[in-house]
Amino acid sequence: MVEIHAKGLIVDDGPLSRPVPVALRCDPSDSEDDGSATVRLVFPEGTTWTFPRAVLERGLRAPARHGDIGVWPCGRVQTVVELHTSGDVAMVQFDSSALLRFLRRTYAVTASHVTR
């Protein structure tokens, strides 16, 4: 399993964004119905959001969506993850470099998992 910790910024209507530590996880044995790897964003209070790794990868370059989750680039070095719940929306901004590092590690682990 791959796990890294990244700092996200909660973006809301307030004047200041709040930093939040987020664990990004990917286990090669945990995949979607179509066989694609699954990414988990785990927040400090235990809330977990799960979506296909391909959505995160596409969202680094252009807007991507899967169900209640949207990912899109924000400038040259930031990426926003939008999370929809019943009647509410949360947006978390990450450094794109942290997400890229995470994706590279997941592909390396997935490749070694497949060759076994």
PDB file of N, CA and C in Angstrom:
ATOM      1  N   MET A   1       0.848  -1.179   0.000  1.00  0.00           N
ATOM      2  CA  MET A   1       0.000   0.000   0.000  1.00  0.00           C
ATOM      3  C   MET A   1       0.891   1.239   0.000  1.00  0.00           C
ATOM      4  N   VAL A   2       0.431   2.277  -0.684  1.00  0.00           N
ATOM      5  CA  VAL A   2       1.109   3.565  -0.698  1.00  0.00           C
ATOM      6  C   VAL A   2       0.318   4.518   0.178  1.00  0.00           C
ATOM      7  N   GLU A   3       1.019   5.233   1.038  1.00  0.00           N
ATOM      8  CA  GLU A   3       0.382   6.265   1.848  1.00  0.00           C
ATOM      9  C   GLU A   3       1.346   7.425   1.984  1.00  0.00           C
ATOM     10  N   ILE A   4       0.874   8.615   1.659  1.00  0.00           N
ATOM     11  CA  ILE A   4       1.642   9.816   1.940  1.00  0.00           C
ATOM     12  C   ILE A   4       0.727  10.784   2.673  1.00  0.00           C
ATOM     13  N   HIS A   5       1.338  11.714   3.363  1.00  0.00           N
ATOM     14  CA  HIS A   5       0.583  12.751   4.060  1.00  0.00           C
ATOM     15  C   HIS A   5       0.859  14.070   3.364  1.00  0.00           C
ATOM     16  N   ALA A   6      -0.213  14.772   3.063  1.00  0.00           N
ATOM     17  CA  ALA A   6      -0.098  16.054   2.369  1.00  0.00           C
ATOM     18  C   ALA A   6      -0.879  17.106   3.140  1.00  0.00           C
ATOM     19  N   LYS A   7      -0.438  18.335   2.994  1.00  0.00           N
ATOM     20  CA  LYS A   7      -1.174  19.436   3.612  1.00  0.00           C
ATOM     21  C   LYS A   7      -2.173  19.952   2.584  1.00  0.00           C
ATOM     22  N   GLY A   8      -3.423  19.988   2.970  1.00  0.00           N
ATOM     23  CA  GLY A   8      -4.453  20.581   2.134  1.00  0.00           C
ATOM     24  C   GLY A   8      -4.916  21.878   2.772  1.00  0.00           C
ATOM     25  N   LEU A   9      -5.492  22.737   1.980  1.00  0.00           N
ATOM     26  CA  LEU A   9      -6.090  23.961   2.493  1.00  0.00           C
ATOM     27  C   LEU A   9      -7.575  23.900   2.220  1.00  0.00           C
ATOM     28  N   ILE A  10      -8.383  23.995   3.286  1.00  0.00           N
ATOM     29  CA  ILE A  10      -9.827  24.041   3.135  1.00  0.00           C
ATOM     30  C   ILE A  10     -10.177  25.426   2.599  1.00  0.00           C
ATOM     31  N   VAL A  11     -10.798  25.472   1.439  1.00  0.00           N
ATOM     32  CA  VAL A  11     -11.169  26.739   0.815  1.00  0.00           C
ATOM     33  C   VAL A  11     -12.658  26.949   1.056  1.00  0.00           C
ATOM     34  N   ASP A  12     -12.991  28.064   1.684  1.00  0.00           N
ATOM     35  CA  ASP A  12     -14.403  28.373   1.919  1.00  0.00           C
ATOM     36  C   ASP A  12     -14.636  29.873   1.757  1.00  0.00           C
ATOM     37  N   ASP A  13     -15.786  30.339   2.174  1.00  0.00           N
ATOM     38  CA  ASP A  13     -16.140  31.749   2.004  1.00  0.00           C
ATOM     39  C   ASP A  13     -15.400  32.676   2.961  1.00  0.00           C
ATOM     40  N   GLY A  14     -14.732  32.122   3.966  1.00  0.00           N
ATOM     41  CA  GLY A  14     -14.020  32.939   4.947  1.00  0.00           C
ATOM     42  C   GLY A  14     -12.795  33.603   4.348  1.00  0.00           C
ATOM     43  N   PRO A  15     -12.237  34.558   5.078  1.00  0.00           N
ATOM     44  CA  PRO A  15     -11.073  35.291   4.564  1.00  0.00           C
ATOM     45  C   PRO A  15      -9.787  34.466   4.552  1.00  0.00           C
ATOM     46  N   LEU A  16      -9.704  33.433   5.378  1.00  0.00           N
ATOM     47  CA  LEU A  16      -8.488  32.623   5.452  1.00  0.00           C
ATOM     48  C   LEU A  16      -8.811  31.159   5.188  1.00  0.00           C
ATOM     49  N   SER A  17      -7.929  30.502   4.470  1.00  0.00           N
ATOM     50  CA  SER A  17      -8.053  29.064   4.285  1.00  0.00           C
ATOM     51  C   SER A  17      -7.466  28.369   5.500  1.00  0.00           C
ATOM     52  N   ARG A  18      -8.038  27.236   5.862  1.00  0.00           N
ATOM     53  CA  ARG A  18      -7.543  26.472   7.008  1.00  0.00           C
ATOM     54  C   ARG A  18      -6.735  25.282   6.531  1.00  0.00           C
ATOM     55  N   PRO A  19      -5.503  25.111   7.047  1.00  0.00           N
ATOM     56  CA  PRO A  19      -4.722  23.933   6.667  1.00  0.00           C
ATOM     57  C   PRO A  19      -5.294  22.674   7.336  1.00  0.00           C
ATOM     58  N   VAL A  20      -5.194  21.567   6.626  1.00  0.00           N
ATOM     59  CA  VAL A  20      -5.652  20.293   7.165  1.00  0.00           C
ATOM     60  C   VAL A  20      -4.719  19.195   6.647  1.00  0.00           C
ATOM     61  N   PRO A  21      -4.236  18.323   7.540  1.00  0.00           N
ATOM     62  CA  PRO A  21      -3.419  17.198   7.064  1.00  0.00           C
ATOM     63  C   PRO A  21      -4.330  16.124   6.465  1.00  0.00           C
ATOM     64  N   VAL A  22      -3.940  15.613   5.314  1.00  0.00           N
ATOM     65  CA  VAL A  22      -4.734  14.594   4.626  1.00  0.00           C
ATOM     66  C   VAL A  22      -3.821  13.432   4.285  1.00  0.00           C
ATOM     67  N   ALA A  23      -4.276  12.221   4.595  1.00  0.00           N
ATOM     68  CA  ALA A  23      -3.547  11.022   4.183  1.00  0.00           C
ATOM     69  C   ALA A  23      -4.100  10.588   2.828  1.00  0.00           C
ATOM     70  N   LEU A  24      -3.212  10.372   1.870  1.00  0.00           N
ATOM     71  CA  LEU A  24      -3.596   9.839   0.568  1.00  0.00           C
ATOM     72  C   LEU A  24      -3.147   8.387   0.543  1.00  0.00           C
ATOM     73  N   ARG A  25      -4.077   7.496   0.233  1.00  0.00           N
ATOM     74  CA  ARG A  25      -3.786   6.064   0.261  1.00  0.00           C
ATOM     75  C   ARG A  25      -4.216   5.389  -1.031  1.00  0.00           C
ATOM     76  N   CYS A  26      -3.456   4.378  -1.400  1.00  0.00           N
ATOM     77  CA  CYS A  26      -3.801   3.540  -2.547  1.00  0.00           C
ATOM     78  C   CYS A  26      -3.262   2.150  -2.279  1.00  0.00           C
ATOM     79  N   ASP A  27      -4.132   1.169  -2.302  1.00  0.00           N
ATOM     80  CA  ASP A  27      -3.748  -0.224  -2.105  1.00  0.00           C
ATOM     81  C   ASP A  27      -4.006  -0.959  -3.413  1.00  0.00           C
ATOM     82  N   PRO A  28      -2.966  -1.568  -4.009  1.00  0.00           N
ATOM     83  CA  PRO A  28      -3.164  -2.240  -5.301  1.00  0.00           C
ATOM     84  C   PRO A  28      -4.210  -3.348  -5.260  1.00  0.00           C
ATOM     85  N   SER A  29      -4.464  -3.912  -4.101  1.00  0.00           N
ATOM     86  CA  SER A  29      -5.466  -4.973  -4.018  1.00  0.00           C
ATOM     87  C   SER A  29      -6.888  -4.406  -3.897  1.00  0.00           C
ATOM     88  N   ASP A  30      -7.004  -3.093  -3.726  1.00  0.00           N
ATOM     89  CA  ASP A  30      -8.303  -2.430  -3.593  1.00  0.00           C
ATOM     90  C   ASP A  30      -8.561  -1.663  -4.882  1.00  0.00           C
ATOM     91  N   SER A  31      -9.525  -2.136  -5.699  1.00  0.00           N
ATOM     92  CA  SER A  31      -9.757  -1.490  -6.985  1.00  0.00           C
ATOM     93  C   SER A  31     -11.245  -1.360  -7.268  1.00  0.00           C
ATOM     94  N   GLU A  32     -11.538  -0.525  -8.270  1.00  0.00           N
ATOM     95  CA  GLU A  32     -12.910  -0.332  -8.730  1.00  0.00           C
ATOM     96  C   GLU A  32     -13.375  -1.589  -9.456  1.00  0.00           C
ATOM     97  N   ASP A  33     -14.658  -1.627  -9.793  1.00  0.00           N
ATOM     98  CA  ASP A  33     -15.219  -2.773 -10.514  1.00  0.00           C
ATOM     99  C   ASP A  33     -14.531  -3.016 -11.850  1.00  0.00           C
ATOM    100  N   ASP A  34     -14.040  -1.940 -12.486  1.00  0.00           N
ATOM    101  CA  ASP A  34     -13.385  -2.084 -13.786  1.00  0.00           C
ATOM    102  C   ASP A  34     -11.902  -2.429 -13.658  1.00  0.00           C
ATOM    103  N   GLY A  35     -11.409  -2.640 -12.423  1.00  0.00           N
ATOM    104  CA  GLY A  35     -10.018  -3.017 -12.214  1.00  0.00           C
ATOM    105  C   GLY A  35      -9.086  -1.855 -11.976  1.00  0.00           C
ATOM    106  N   SER A  36      -9.575  -0.614 -12.088  1.00  0.00           N
ATOM    107  CA  SER A  36      -8.696   0.538 -11.869  1.00  0.00           C
ATOM    108  C   SER A  36      -8.456   0.754 -10.376  1.00  0.00           C
ATOM    109  N   ALA A  37      -7.274   1.252 -10.071  1.00  0.00           N
ATOM    110  CA  ALA A  37      -6.891   1.463  -8.676  1.00  0.00           C
ATOM    111  C   ALA A  37      -7.768   2.523  -8.024  1.00  0.00           C
ATOM    112  N   THR A  38      -7.917   2.402  -6.718  1.00  0.00           N
ATOM    113  CA  THR A  38      -8.737   3.312  -5.936  1.00  0.00           C
ATOM    114  C   THR A  38      -7.851   4.176  -5.051  1.00  0.00           C
ATOM    115  N   VAL A  39      -8.182   5.456  -4.992  1.00  0.00           N
ATOM    116  CA  VAL A  39      -7.493   6.408  -4.129  1.00  0.00           C
ATOM    117  C   VAL A  39      -8.414   6.738  -2.959  1.00  0.00           C
ATOM    118  N   ARG A  40      -7.821   6.881  -1.794  1.00  0.00           N
ATOM    119  CA  ARG A  40      -8.580   7.295  -0.610  1.00  0.00           C
ATOM    120  C   ARG A  40      -7.960   8.560  -0.041  1.00  0.00           C
ATOM    121  N   LEU A  41      -8.798   9.559   0.209  1.00  0.00           N
ATOM    122  CA  LEU A  41      -8.381  10.747   0.946  1.00  0.00           C
ATOM    123  C   LEU A  41      -8.942  10.597   2.346  1.00  0.00           C
ATOM    124  N   VAL A  42      -8.064  10.579   3.344  1.00  0.00           N
ATOM    125  CA  VAL A  42      -8.488  10.363   4.721  1.00  0.00           C
ATOM    126  C   VAL A  42      -8.191  11.630   5.521  1.00  0.00           C
ATOM    127  N   PHE A  43      -9.251  12.221   6.074  1.00  0.00           N
ATOM    128  CA  PHE A  43      -9.129  13.463   6.828  1.00  0.00           C
ATOM    129  C   PHE A  43      -8.986  13.160   8.320  1.00  0.00           C
ATOM    130  N   PRO A  44      -8.469  14.109   9.103  1.00  0.00           N
ATOM    131  CA  PRO A  44      -8.161  13.864  10.521  1.00  0.00           C
ATOM    132  C   PRO A  44      -9.326  13.313  11.345  1.00  0.00           C
ATOM    133  N   GLU A  45     -10.533  13.763  11.075  1.00  0.00           N
ATOM    134  CA  GLU A  45     -11.673  13.281  11.871  1.00  0.00           C
ATOM    135  C   GLU A  45     -12.144  11.903  11.427  1.00  0.00           C
ATOM    136  N   GLY A  46     -11.443  11.299  10.447  1.00  0.00           N
ATOM    137  CA  GLY A  46     -11.763   9.950  10.008  1.00  0.00           C
ATOM    138  C   GLY A  46     -12.599   9.880   8.746  1.00  0.00           C
ATOM    139  N   THR A  47     -13.070  11.002   8.254  1.00  0.00           N
ATOM    140  CA  THR A  47     -13.838  11.012   7.010  1.00  0.00           C
ATOM    141  C   THR A  47     -12.947  10.561   5.859  1.00  0.00           C
ATOM    142  N   THR A  48     -13.456   9.637   5.058  1.00  0.00           N
ATOM    143  CA  THR A  48     -12.698   9.098   3.937  1.00  0.00           C
ATOM    144  C   THR A  48     -13.504   9.250   2.656  1.00  0.00           C
ATOM    145  N   TRP A  49     -12.830   9.722   1.621  1.00  0.00           N
ATOM    146  CA  TRP A  49     -13.421   9.828   0.291  1.00  0.00           C
ATOM    147  C   TRP A  49     -12.656   8.886  -0.632  1.00  0.00           C
ATOM    148  N   THR A  50     -13.391   8.093  -1.411  1.00  0.00           N
ATOM    149  CA  THR A  50     -12.792   7.098  -2.287  1.00  0.00           C
ATOM    150  C   THR A  50     -13.213   7.363  -3.731  1.00  0.00           C
ATOM    151  N   PHE A  51     -12.236   7.283  -4.641  1.00  0.00           N
ATOM    152  CA  PHE A  51     -12.534   7.495  -6.053  1.00  0.00           C
ATOM    153  C   PHE A  51     -11.428   6.868  -6.893  1.00  0.00           C
ATOM    154  N   PRO A  52     -11.669   6.675  -8.190  1.00  0.00           N
ATOM    155  CA  PRO A  52     -10.670   6.047  -9.060  1.00  0.00           C
ATOM    156  C   PRO A  52      -9.410   6.917  -9.195  1.00  0.00           C
ATOM    157  N   ARG A  53      -8.269   6.279  -9.189  1.00  0.00           N
ATOM    158  CA  ARG A  53      -6.991   6.971  -9.344  1.00  0.00           C
ATOM    159  C   ARG A  53      -6.951   7.781 -10.633  1.00  0.00           C
ATOM    160  N   ALA A  54      -7.583   7.299 -11.683  1.00  0.00           N
ATOM    161  CA  ALA A  54      -7.579   7.996 -12.975  1.00  0.00           C
ATOM    162  C   ALA A  54      -8.204   9.385 -12.870  1.00  0.00           C
ATOM    163  N   VAL A  55      -9.158   9.578 -11.980  1.00  0.00           N
ATOM    164  CA  VAL A  55      -9.781  10.894 -11.805  1.00  0.00           C
ATOM    165  C   VAL A  55      -8.756  11.884 -11.252  1.00  0.00           C
ATOM    166  N   LEU A  56      -7.956  11.436 -10.297  1.00  0.00           N
ATOM    167  CA  LEU A  56      -6.912  12.302  -9.750  1.00  0.00           C
ATOM    168  C   LEU A  56      -5.886  12.631 -10.832  1.00  0.00           C
ATOM    169  N   GLU A  57      -5.493  11.634 -11.596  1.00  0.00           N
ATOM    170  CA  GLU A  57      -4.506  11.857 -12.652  1.00  0.00           C
ATOM    171  C   GLU A  57      -5.021  12.844 -13.706  1.00  0.00           C
ATOM    172  N   ARG A  58      -6.245  12.634 -14.180  1.00  0.00           N
ATOM    173  CA  ARG A  58      -6.822  13.546 -15.184  1.00  0.00           C
ATOM    174  C   ARG A  58      -7.017  14.944 -14.610  1.00  0.00           C
ATOM    175  N   GLY A  59      -7.416  15.019 -13.345  1.00  0.00           N
ATOM    176  CA  GLY A  59      -7.702  16.297 -12.708  1.00  0.00           C
ATOM    177  C   GLY A  59      -6.487  17.182 -12.513  1.00  0.00           C
ATOM    178  N   LEU A  60      -5.294  16.624 -12.605  1.00  0.00           N
ATOM    179  CA  LEU A  60      -4.085  17.445 -12.525  1.00  0.00           C
ATOM    180  C   LEU A  60      -3.891  18.275 -13.796  1.00  0.00           C
ATOM    181  N   ARG A  61      -4.503  17.851 -14.908  1.00  0.00           N
ATOM    182  CA  ARG A  61      -4.331  18.524 -16.203  1.00  0.00           C
ATOM    183  C   ARG A  61      -5.578  19.282 -16.663  1.00  0.00           C
ATOM    184  N   ALA A  62      -6.753  18.770 -16.306  1.00  0.00           N
ATOM    185  CA  ALA A  62      -8.021  19.353 -16.759  1.00  0.00           C
ATOM    186  C   ALA A  62      -9.113  18.919 -15.780  1.00  0.00           C
ATOM    187  N   PRO A  63     -10.227  19.623 -15.729  1.00  0.00           N
ATOM    188  CA  PRO A  63     -11.290  19.218 -14.806  1.00  0.00           C
ATOM    189  C   PRO A  63     -11.730  17.776 -15.035  1.00  0.00           C
ATOM    190  N   ALA A  64     -11.880  17.035 -13.946  1.00  0.00           N
ATOM    191  CA  ALA A  64     -12.329  15.644 -13.993  1.00  0.00           C
ATOM    192  C   ALA A  64     -13.341  15.443 -12.870  1.00  0.00           C
ATOM    193  N   ARG A  65     -14.288  14.567 -13.093  1.00  0.00           N
ATOM    194  CA  ARG A  65     -15.337  14.335 -12.099  1.00  0.00           C
ATOM    195  C   ARG A  65     -15.684  12.856 -12.055  1.00  0.00           C
ATOM    196  N   HIS A  66     -16.017  12.407 -10.850  1.00  0.00           N
ATOM    197  CA  HIS A  66     -16.518  11.052 -10.641  1.00  0.00           C
ATOM    198  C   HIS A  66     -17.512  11.139  -9.487  1.00  0.00           C
ATOM    199  N   GLY A  67     -18.780  11.008  -9.785  1.00  0.00           N
ATOM    200  CA  GLY A  67     -19.796  11.088  -8.744  1.00  0.00           C
ATOM    201  C   GLY A  67     -19.741  12.411  -8.001  1.00  0.00           C
ATOM    202  N   ASP A  68     -19.537  12.340  -6.692  1.00  0.00           N
ATOM    203  CA  ASP A  68     -19.536  13.511  -5.826  1.00  0.00           C
ATOM    204  C   ASP A  68     -18.171  14.175  -5.694  1.00  0.00           C
ATOM    205  N   ILE A  69     -17.210  13.752  -6.505  1.00  0.00           N
ATOM    206  CA  ILE A  69     -15.841  14.273  -6.388  1.00  0.00           C
ATOM    207  C   ILE A  69     -15.410  14.903  -7.710  1.00  0.00           C
ATOM    208  N   GLY A  70     -14.868  16.110  -7.612  1.00  0.00           N
ATOM    209  CA  GLY A  70     -14.301  16.788  -8.766  1.00  0.00           C
ATOM    210  C   GLY A  70     -12.854  17.149  -8.471  1.00  0.00           C
ATOM    211  N   VAL A  71     -12.012  17.127  -9.486  1.00  0.00           N
ATOM    212  CA  VAL A  71     -10.595  17.475  -9.340  1.00  0.00           C
ATOM    213  C   VAL A  71     -10.234  18.356 -10.522  1.00  0.00           C
ATOM    214  N   TRP A  72      -9.532  19.460 -10.261  1.00  0.00           N
ATOM    215  CA  TRP A  72      -9.098  20.310 -11.361  1.00  0.00           C
ATOM    216  C   TRP A  72      -7.855  21.091 -10.984  1.00  0.00           C
ATOM    217  N   PRO A  73      -7.061  21.467 -12.014  1.00  0.00           N
ATOM    218  CA  PRO A  73      -5.872  22.278 -11.741  1.00  0.00           C
ATOM    219  C   PRO A  73      -6.286  23.697 -11.349  1.00  0.00           C
ATOM    220  N   CYS A  74      -5.504  24.289 -10.479  1.00  0.00           N
ATOM    221  CA  CYS A  74      -5.739  25.666 -10.027  1.00  0.00           C
ATOM    222  C   CYS A  74      -4.415  26.406 -10.185  1.00  0.00           C
ATOM    223  N   GLY A  75      -4.246  27.057 -11.316  1.00  0.00           N
ATOM    224  CA  GLY A  75      -2.953  27.669 -11.610  1.00  0.00           C
ATOM    225  C   GLY A  75      -1.955  26.601 -12.025  1.00  0.00           C
ATOM    226  N   ARG A  76      -0.686  26.942 -11.927  1.00  0.00           N
ATOM    227  CA  ARG A  76       0.357  26.026 -12.390  1.00  0.00           C
ATOM    228  C   ARG A  76       0.816  25.026 -11.338  1.00  0.00           C
ATOM    229  N   VAL A  77       0.601  25.320 -10.053  1.00  0.00           N
ATOM    230  CA  VAL A  77       1.188  24.455  -9.023  1.00  0.00           C
ATOM    231  C   VAL A  77       0.188  23.949  -7.976  1.00  0.00           C
ATOM    232  N   GLN A  78      -1.082  24.221  -8.151  1.00  0.00           N
ATOM    233  CA  GLN A  78      -2.094  23.794  -7.187  1.00  0.00           C
ATOM    234  C   GLN A  78      -3.160  22.948  -7.882  1.00  0.00           C
ATOM    235  N   THR A  79      -3.799  22.098  -7.105  1.00  0.00           N
ATOM    236  CA  THR A  79      -4.912  21.281  -7.579  1.00  0.00           C
ATOM    237  C   THR A  79      -6.008  21.339  -6.536  1.00  0.00           C
ATOM    238  N   VAL A  80      -7.249  21.456  -6.980  1.00  0.00           N
ATOM    239  CA  VAL A  80      -8.394  21.510  -6.076  1.00  0.00           C
ATOM    240  C   VAL A  80      -9.164  20.200  -6.170  1.00  0.00           C
ATOM    241  N   VAL A  81      -9.542  19.684  -5.002  1.00  0.00           N
ATOM    242  CA  VAL A  81     -10.434  18.532  -4.921  1.00  0.00           C
ATOM    243  C   VAL A  81     -11.734  19.034  -4.297  1.00  0.00           C
ATOM    244  N   GLU A  82     -12.825  18.851  -5.025  1.00  0.00           N
ATOM    245  CA  GLU A  82     -14.144  19.307  -4.590  1.00  0.00           C
ATOM    246  C   GLU A  82     -14.942  18.095  -4.135  1.00  0.00           C
ATOM    247  N   LEU A  83     -15.485  18.153  -2.928  1.00  0.00           N
ATOM    248  CA  LEU A  83     -16.201  17.028  -2.328  1.00  0.00           C
ATOM    249  C   LEU A  83     -17.635  17.447  -2.035  1.00  0.00           C
ATOM    250  N   HIS A  84     -18.599  16.744  -2.609  1.00  0.00           N
ATOM    251  CA  HIS A  84     -20.011  17.071  -2.422  1.00  0.00           C
ATOM    252  C   HIS A  84     -20.652  16.093  -1.441  1.00  0.00           C
ATOM    253  N   THR A  85     -21.358  16.640  -0.469  1.00  0.00           N
ATOM    254  CA  THR A  85     -22.198  15.833   0.411  1.00  0.00           C
ATOM    255  C   THR A  85     -23.624  16.343   0.249  1.00  0.00           C
ATOM    256  N   SER A  86     -24.557  15.715   0.901  1.00  0.00           N
ATOM    257  CA  SER A  86     -25.944  16.156   0.756  1.00  0.00           C
ATOM    258  C   SER A  86     -26.075  17.615   1.206  1.00  0.00           C
ATOM    259  N   GLY A  87     -26.232  18.495   0.241  1.00  0.00           N
ATOM    260  CA  GLY A  87     -26.446  19.902   0.522  1.00  0.00           C
ATOM    261  C   GLY A  87     -25.215  20.710   0.872  1.00  0.00           C
ATOM    262  N   ASP A  88     -24.028  20.132   0.803  1.00  0.00           N
ATOM    263  CA  ASP A  88     -22.814  20.861   1.174  1.00  0.00           C
ATOM    264  C   ASP A  88     -21.685  20.537   0.205  1.00  0.00           C
ATOM    265  N   VAL A  89     -20.755  21.476   0.087  1.00  0.00           N
ATOM    266  CA  VAL A  89     -19.585  21.292  -0.769  1.00  0.00           C
ATOM    267  C   VAL A  89     -18.353  21.728   0.004  1.00  0.00           C
ATOM    268  N   ALA A  90     -17.303  20.918  -0.048  1.00  0.00           N
ATOM    269  CA  ALA A  90     -16.016  21.291   0.549  1.00  0.00           C
ATOM    270  C   ALA A  90     -14.978  21.275  -0.565  1.00  0.00           C
ATOM    271  N   MET A  91     -14.078  22.248  -0.516  1.00  0.00           N
ATOM    272  CA  MET A  91     -12.992  22.293  -1.493  1.00  0.00           C
ATOM    273  C   MET A  91     -11.672  22.286  -0.741  1.00  0.00           C
ATOM    274  N   VAL A  92     -10.776  21.409  -1.174  1.00  0.00           N
ATOM    275  CA  VAL A  92      -9.460  21.279  -0.564  1.00  0.00           C
ATOM    276  C   VAL A  92      -8.418  21.494  -1.649  1.00  0.00           C
ATOM    277  N   GLN A  93      -7.500  22.412  -1.386  1.00  0.00           N
ATOM    278  CA  GLN A  93      -6.443  22.742  -2.355  1.00  0.00           C
ATOM    279  C   GLN A  93      -5.139  22.084  -1.916  1.00  0.00           C
ATOM    280  N   PHE A  94      -4.470  21.422  -2.866  1.00  0.00           N
ATOM    281  CA  PHE A  94      -3.209  20.730  -2.609  1.00  0.00           C
ATOM    282  C   PHE A  94      -2.121  21.280  -3.518  1.00  0.00           C
ATOM    283  N   ASP A  95      -0.870  21.137  -3.100  1.00  0.00           N
ATOM    284  CA  ASP A  95       0.242  21.348  -4.011  1.00  0.00           C
ATOM    285  C   ASP A  95       0.216  20.186  -5.006  1.00  0.00           C
ATOM    286  N   SER A  96       0.228  20.508  -6.275  1.00  0.00           N
ATOM    287  CA  SER A  96       0.183  19.463  -7.302  1.00  0.00           C
ATOM    288  C   SER A  96       1.371  18.518  -7.192  1.00  0.00           C
ATOM    289  N   SER A  97       2.520  19.034  -6.754  1.00  0.00           N
ATOM    290  CA  SER A  97       3.710  18.183  -6.648  1.00  0.00           C
ATOM    291  C   SER A  97       3.493  17.028  -5.670  1.00  0.00           C
ATOM    292  N   ALA A  98       2.769  17.255  -4.583  1.00  0.00           N
ATOM    293  CA  ALA A  98       2.492  16.177  -3.623  1.00  0.00           C
ATOM    294  C   ALA A  98       1.597  15.114  -4.256  1.00  0.00           C
ATOM    295  N   LEU A  99       0.611  15.557  -5.029  1.00  0.00           N
ATOM    296  CA  LEU A  99      -0.282  14.603  -5.685  1.00  0.00           C
ATOM    297  C   LEU A  99       0.446  13.816  -6.771  1.00  0.00           C
ATOM    298  N   LEU A 100       1.331  14.482  -7.510  1.00  0.00           N
ATOM    299  CA  LEU A 100       2.135  13.783  -8.523  1.00  0.00           C
ATOM    300  C   LEU A 100       3.057  12.748  -7.887  1.00  0.00           C
ATOM    301  N   ARG A 101       3.699  13.112  -6.786  1.00  0.00           N
ATOM    302  CA  ARG A 101       4.580  12.177  -6.073  1.00  0.00           C
ATOM    303  C   ARG A 101       3.781  10.952  -5.623  1.00  0.00           C
ATOM    304  N   PHE A 102       2.583  11.186  -5.102  1.00  0.00           N
ATOM    305  CA  PHE A 102       1.711  10.099  -4.678  1.00  0.00           C
ATOM    306  C   PHE A 102       1.359   9.201  -5.871  1.00  0.00           C
ATOM    307  N   LEU A 103       0.951   9.799  -6.989  1.00  0.00           N
ATOM    308  CA  LEU A 103       0.588   9.002  -8.165  1.00  0.00           C
ATOM    309  C   LEU A 103       1.754   8.165  -8.665  1.00  0.00           C
ATOM    310  N   ARG A 104       2.943   8.745  -8.715  1.00  0.00           N
ATOM    311  CA  ARG A 104       4.117   7.986  -9.164  1.00  0.00           C
ATOM    312  C   ARG A 104       4.353   6.766  -8.279  1.00  0.00           C
ATOM    313  N   ARG A 105       4.233   6.953  -6.990  1.00  0.00           N
ATOM    314  CA  ARG A 105       4.426   5.822  -6.062  1.00  0.00           C
ATOM    315  C   ARG A 105       3.361   4.761  -6.260  1.00  0.00           C
ATOM    316  N   THR A 106       2.107   5.188  -6.508  1.00  0.00           N
ATOM    317  CA  THR A 106       1.044   4.195  -6.700  1.00  0.00           C
ATOM    318  C   THR A 106       1.282   3.377  -7.958  1.00  0.00           C
ATOM    319  N   TYR A 107       1.756   4.018  -9.024  1.00  0.00           N
ATOM    320  CA  TYR A 107       2.028   3.276 -10.256  1.00  0.00           C
ATOM    321  C   TYR A 107       3.200   2.320 -10.075  1.00  0.00           C
ATOM    322  N   ALA A 108       4.211   2.724  -9.321  1.00  0.00           N
ATOM    323  CA  ALA A 108       5.349   1.839  -9.060  1.00  0.00           C
ATOM    324  C   ALA A 108       4.901   0.617  -8.261  1.00  0.00           C
ATOM    325  N   VAL A 109       4.079   0.829  -7.247  1.00  0.00           N
ATOM    326  CA  VAL A 109       3.598  -0.290  -6.419  1.00  0.00           C
ATOM    327  C   VAL A 109       2.650  -1.176  -7.217  1.00  0.00           C
ATOM    328  N   THR A 110       1.790  -0.562  -8.007  1.00  0.00           N
ATOM    329  CA  THR A 110       0.858  -1.350  -8.834  1.00  0.00           C
ATOM    330  C   THR A 110       1.628  -2.201  -9.832  1.00  0.00           C
ATOM    331  N   ALA A 111       2.663  -1.645 -10.454  1.00  0.00           N
ATOM    332  CA  ALA A 111       3.474  -2.400 -11.420  1.00  0.00           C
ATOM    333  C   ALA A 111       4.150  -3.589 -10.748  1.00  0.00           C
ATOM    334  N   SER A 112       4.707  -3.388  -9.553  1.00  0.00           N
ATOM    335  CA  SER A 112       5.372  -4.490  -8.869  1.00  0.00           C
ATOM    336  C   SER A 112       4.365  -5.515  -8.369  1.00  0.00           C
ATOM    337  N   HIS A 113       3.153  -5.061  -8.028  1.00  0.00           N
ATOM    338  CA  HIS A 113       2.097  -5.972  -7.580  1.00  0.00           C
ATOM    339  C   HIS A 113       1.647  -6.859  -8.736  1.00  0.00           C
ATOM    340  N   VAL A 114       1.574  -6.307  -9.947  1.00  0.00           N
ATOM    341  CA  VAL A 114       1.135  -7.056 -11.125  1.00  0.00           C
ATOM    342  C   VAL A 114       2.176  -8.077 -11.565  1.00  0.00           C
ATOM    343  N   THR A 115       3.459  -7.751 -11.431  1.00  0.00           N
ATOM    344  CA  THR A 115       4.509  -8.654 -11.905  1.00  0.00           C
ATOM    345  C   THR A 115       4.786  -9.805 -10.954  1.00  0.00           C
ATOM    346  N   ARG A 116       4.168  -9.817  -9.804  1.00  0.00           N
ATOM    347  CA  ARG A 116       4.397 -10.925  -8.865  1.00  0.00           C
ATOM    348  C   ARG A 116       3.661 -12.166  -9.257  1.00  0.00           C
TER     349      ARG A 116
END
